[in-house]
Amino acid sequence: MVYLTRKEHFNAAHKLFNPKWSKEENESVFGPCANENWHGHNYDLYVTVKGVPDENTGFVYDAKKLGELIRTKIIDKLDHKNLNLDVAFLEGQLCSTENLAIAIWKQLQPLLPANATLHCIKLYETPRIYVEYFGE
């Protein structure tokens, strides 16, 4: 089994706010991330696929095609957007980094060819905070 990872980057704004809670509860749990005026992150996205290299190309999946898929289906929809307001595949969700990683998985997983399985979405919110999702 070989693992291929493609790294991409995007910038986006969001706020963490549970509409079922009061403003005070949200501020208590989410702190400054509940700011009514939003806040932003410079996200780094790592998409890892796994598989057996094709005998004709030596590729698990063409890295250029993987990059194009990530850019058209994910980055173009997230970059310089408000995650709470502008992203259809996040509608109705709390826009945590955890939920964002799961949503990215759900967007990409059905689009991969049979010989390349999605293994991991790793999403850095900051240089010191990241989440990993393995489709579980």
C-alpha atoms as a PDB file:
ATOM      1  CA  MET A   1       0.000   0.000   0.000  1.00  0.00           C
ATOM      2  CA  VAL A   2       1.344   3.420  -0.986  1.00  0.00           C
ATOM      3  CA  TYR A   3       0.120   6.725   0.470  1.00  0.00           C
ATOM      4  CA  LEU A   4       0.093   9.898  -1.638  1.00  0.00           C
ATOM      5  CA  THR A   5      -0.500  13.271  -0.005  1.00  0.00           C
ATOM      6  CA  ARG A   6      -1.327  16.548  -1.716  1.00  0.00           C
ATOM      7  CA  LYS A   7      -1.080  19.824   0.227  1.00  0.00           C
ATOM      8  CA  GLU A   8      -3.246  22.835  -0.566  1.00  0.00           C
ATOM      9  CA  HIS A   9      -3.923  26.138   1.195  1.00  0.00           C
ATOM     10  CA  PHE A  10      -6.909  28.424   1.679  1.00  0.00           C
ATOM     11  CA  ASN A  11      -7.966  31.395   3.775  1.00  0.00           C
ATOM     12  CA  ALA A  12     -11.414  31.615   5.290  1.00  0.00           C
ATOM     13  CA  ALA A  13     -13.429  33.349   7.987  1.00  0.00           C
ATOM     14  CA  HIS A  14     -15.862  31.795  10.429  1.00  0.00           C
ATOM     15  CA  LYS A  15     -17.213  31.991  13.917  1.00  0.00           C
ATOM     16  CA  LEU A  16     -18.022  29.277  16.378  1.00  0.00           C
ATOM     17  CA  PHE A  17     -21.534  29.844  17.596  1.00  0.00           C
ATOM     18  CA  ASN A  18     -24.235  27.406  18.599  1.00  0.00           C
ATOM     19  CA  PRO A  19     -27.620  29.044  17.846  1.00  0.00           C
ATOM     20  CA  LYS A  20     -29.252  26.925  20.572  1.00  0.00           C
ATOM     21  CA  TRP A  21     -27.197  28.718  23.228  1.00  0.00           C
ATOM     22  CA  SER A  22     -27.217  32.246  24.562  1.00  0.00           C
ATOM     23  CA  LYS A  23     -24.526  34.716  23.605  1.00  0.00           C
ATOM     24  CA  GLU A  24     -23.012  34.256  27.074  1.00  0.00           C
ATOM     25  CA  GLU A  25     -22.893  30.455  26.748  1.00  0.00           C
ATOM     26  CA  ASN A  26     -21.250  30.731  23.342  1.00  0.00           C
ATOM     27  CA  GLU A  27     -18.652  33.167  24.631  1.00  0.00           C
ATOM     28  CA  SER A  28     -18.005  30.946  27.643  1.00  0.00           C
ATOM     29  CA  VAL A  29     -17.368  27.864  25.494  1.00  0.00           C
ATOM     30  CA  PHE A  30     -15.840  29.371  22.349  1.00  0.00           C
ATOM     31  CA  GLY A  31     -14.195  32.516  23.741  1.00  0.00           C
ATOM     32  CA  PRO A  32     -13.010  34.946  21.072  1.00  0.00           C
ATOM     33  CA  CYS A  33     -13.926  32.417  18.355  1.00  0.00           C
ATOM     34  CA  ALA A  34     -17.581  33.357  18.987  1.00  0.00           C
ATOM     35  CA  ASN A  35     -16.854  36.939  17.938  1.00  0.00           C
ATOM     36  CA  GLU A  36     -19.899  38.378  16.167  1.00  0.00           C
ATOM     37  CA  ASN A  37     -17.570  39.989  13.630  1.00  0.00           C
ATOM     38  CA  TRP A  38     -15.974  36.667  12.655  1.00  0.00           C
ATOM     39  CA  HIS A  39     -12.297  35.746  12.572  1.00  0.00           C
ATOM     40  CA  GLY A  40     -10.091  34.106   9.988  1.00  0.00           C
ATOM     41  CA  HIS A  41      -7.538  31.361   9.523  1.00  0.00           C
ATOM     42  CA  ASN A  42      -4.872  30.459   6.994  1.00  0.00           C
ATOM     43  CA  TYR A  43      -5.696  26.774   6.575  1.00  0.00           C
ATOM     44  CA  ASP A  44      -3.350  24.101   5.259  1.00  0.00           C
ATOM     45  CA  LEU A  45      -5.122  21.064   3.858  1.00  0.00           C
ATOM     46  CA  TYR A  46      -3.439  17.689   3.366  1.00  0.00           C
ATOM     47  CA  VAL A  47      -5.379  15.083   1.402  1.00  0.00           C
ATOM     48  CA  THR A  48      -3.942  11.563   1.518  1.00  0.00           C
ATOM     49  CA  VAL A  49      -5.046   8.781  -0.789  1.00  0.00           C
ATOM     50  CA  LYS A  50      -3.831   5.200  -0.683  1.00  0.00           C
ATOM     51  CA  GLY A  51      -3.607   2.340  -3.105  1.00  0.00           C
ATOM     52  CA  VAL A  52      -1.392   0.090  -5.148  1.00  0.00           C
ATOM     53  CA  PRO A  53       0.581   1.854  -7.869  1.00  0.00           C
ATOM     54  CA  ASP A  54      -0.721   1.294 -11.386  1.00  0.00           C
ATOM     55  CA  GLU A  55       1.604  -0.998 -13.315  1.00  0.00           C
ATOM     56  CA  ASN A  56       1.564   1.294 -16.372  1.00  0.00           C
ATOM     57  CA  THR A  57       2.116   4.668 -14.672  1.00  0.00           C
ATOM     58  CA  GLY A  58       3.578   3.794 -11.284  1.00  0.00           C
ATOM     59  CA  PHE A  59       0.998   6.141  -9.748  1.00  0.00           C
ATOM     60  CA  VAL A  60      -1.515   5.454  -7.008  1.00  0.00           C
ATOM     61  CA  TYR A  61      -3.292   8.498  -8.453  1.00  0.00           C
ATOM     62  CA  ASP A  62      -1.955  11.236 -10.690  1.00  0.00           C
ATOM     63  CA  ALA A  63      -0.864  14.000  -8.260  1.00  0.00           C
ATOM     64  CA  LYS A  64      -1.752  16.691 -10.808  1.00  0.00           C
ATOM     65  CA  LYS A  65      -5.297  15.320 -11.145  1.00  0.00           C
ATOM     66  CA  LEU A  66      -5.601  15.082  -7.357  1.00  0.00           C
ATOM     67  CA  GLY A  67      -4.546  18.721  -7.058  1.00  0.00           C
ATOM     68  CA  GLU A  68      -7.083  19.795  -9.694  1.00  0.00           C
ATOM     69  CA  LEU A  69      -9.834  17.831  -7.930  1.00  0.00           C
ATOM     70  CA  ILE A  70      -9.035  19.400  -4.561  1.00  0.00           C
ATOM     71  CA  ARG A  71      -8.845  22.893  -6.026  1.00  0.00           C
ATOM     72  CA  THR A  72     -12.101  22.703  -8.021  1.00  0.00           C
ATOM     73  CA  LYS A  73     -14.230  20.830  -5.476  1.00  0.00           C
ATOM     74  CA  ILE A  74     -12.816  22.223  -2.222  1.00  0.00           C
ATOM     75  CA  ILE A  75     -10.433  25.185  -2.414  1.00  0.00           C
ATOM     76  CA  ASP A  76     -12.487  27.198  -4.912  1.00  0.00           C
ATOM     77  CA  LYS A  77     -15.498  26.818  -2.607  1.00  0.00           C
ATOM     78  CA  LEU A  78     -13.637  27.710   0.614  1.00  0.00           C
ATOM     79  CA  ASP A  79     -10.903  30.206  -0.222  1.00  0.00           C
ATOM     80  CA  HIS A  80     -11.648  33.752   0.921  1.00  0.00           C
ATOM     81  CA  LYS A  81     -15.148  32.741   1.970  1.00  0.00           C
ATOM     82  CA  ASN A  82     -17.145  32.937   5.164  1.00  0.00           C
ATOM     83  CA  LEU A  83     -17.564  29.288   6.142  1.00  0.00           C
ATOM     84  CA  ASN A  84     -20.769  29.998   8.057  1.00  0.00           C
ATOM     85  CA  LEU A  85     -22.475  31.857   5.214  1.00  0.00           C
ATOM     86  CA  ASP A  86     -20.903  31.069   1.845  1.00  0.00           C
ATOM     87  CA  VAL A  87     -20.237  27.322   1.733  1.00  0.00           C
ATOM     88  CA  ALA A  88     -23.203  25.150   0.746  1.00  0.00           C
ATOM     89  CA  PHE A  89     -21.660  21.886   1.974  1.00  0.00           C
ATOM     90  CA  LEU A  90     -21.305  23.373   5.501  1.00  0.00           C
ATOM     91  CA  GLU A  91     -24.837  24.721   5.721  1.00  0.00           C
ATOM     92  CA  GLY A  92     -26.490  24.010   9.071  1.00  0.00           C
ATOM     93  CA  GLN A  93     -23.262  22.852  10.724  1.00  0.00           C
ATOM     94  CA  LEU A  94     -21.131  24.379  13.426  1.00  0.00           C
ATOM     95  CA  CYS A  95     -18.036  25.444  11.470  1.00  0.00           C
ATOM     96  CA  SER A  96     -15.380  23.839  13.644  1.00  0.00           C
ATOM     97  CA  THR A  97     -12.200  22.541  12.060  1.00  0.00           C
ATOM     98  CA  GLU A  98     -13.357  19.029  12.951  1.00  0.00           C
ATOM     99  CA  ASN A  99     -16.635  19.436  11.062  1.00  0.00           C
ATOM    100  CA  LEU A 100     -14.838  21.089   8.163  1.00  0.00           C
ATOM    101  CA  ALA A 101     -12.471  18.101   7.808  1.00  0.00           C
ATOM    102  CA  ILE A 102     -15.422  15.695   7.780  1.00  0.00           C
ATOM    103  CA  ALA A 103     -17.256  17.814   5.196  1.00  0.00           C
ATOM    104  CA  ILE A 104     -14.176  17.900   2.950  1.00  0.00           C
ATOM    105  CA  TRP A 105     -13.945  14.107   3.170  1.00  0.00           C
ATOM    106  CA  LYS A 106     -17.591  13.772   2.160  1.00  0.00           C
ATOM    107  CA  GLN A 107     -17.019  16.022  -0.861  1.00  0.00           C
ATOM    108  CA  LEU A 108     -13.927  14.189  -2.113  1.00  0.00           C
ATOM    109  CA  GLN A 109     -14.521  10.541  -1.258  1.00  0.00           C
ATOM    110  CA  PRO A 110     -17.135   9.784  -3.947  1.00  0.00           C
ATOM    111  CA  LEU A 111     -15.042  11.474  -6.666  1.00  0.00           C
ATOM    112  CA  LEU A 112     -11.947   9.299  -6.411  1.00  0.00           C
ATOM    113  CA  PRO A 113     -11.349   6.395  -8.793  1.00  0.00           C
ATOM    114  CA  ALA A 114     -11.707   2.852  -7.457  1.00  0.00           C
ATOM    115  CA  ASN A 115      -7.952   2.268  -7.278  1.00  0.00           C
ATOM    116  CA  ALA A 116      -7.305   5.310  -4.997  1.00  0.00           C
ATOM    117  CA  THR A 117      -8.986   5.249  -1.606  1.00  0.00           C
ATOM    118  CA  LEU A 118      -9.218   8.362   0.543  1.00  0.00           C
ATOM    119  CA  HIS A 119      -7.093   7.693   3.622  1.00  0.00           C
ATOM    120  CA  CYS A 120      -6.917  10.959   5.584  1.00  0.00           C
ATOM    121  CA  ILE A 121      -7.901  14.584   5.632  1.00  0.00           C
ATOM    122  CA  LYS A 122      -5.465  16.588   7.752  1.00  0.00           C
ATOM    123  CA  LEU A 123      -6.475  20.196   8.239  1.00  0.00           C
ATOM    124  CA  TYR A 124      -4.289  22.763   9.994  1.00  0.00           C
ATOM    125  CA  GLU A 125      -6.245  25.660  11.449  1.00  0.00           C
ATOM    126  CA  THR A 126      -3.065  27.223  12.847  1.00  0.00           C
ATOM    127  CA  PRO A 127       0.551  26.028  12.842  1.00  0.00           C
ATOM    128  CA  ARG A 128      -0.135  24.461  16.260  1.00  0.00           C
ATOM    129  CA  ILE A 129      -3.678  23.125  15.835  1.00  0.00           C
ATOM    130  CA  TYR A 130      -4.805  20.532  13.319  1.00  0.00           C
ATOM    131  CA  VAL A 131      -7.328  17.743  12.991  1.00  0.00           C
ATOM    132  CA  GLU A 132      -7.137  14.451  11.146  1.00  0.00           C
ATOM    133  CA  TYR A 133     -10.116  12.548   9.847  1.00  0.00           C
ATOM    134  CA  PHE A 134      -9.939   8.974   8.558  1.00  0.00           C
ATOM    135  CA  GLY A 135     -13.565   8.502   7.551  1.00  0.00           C
ATOM    136  CA  GLU A 136     -14.527   6.687  10.709  1.00  0.00           C
END
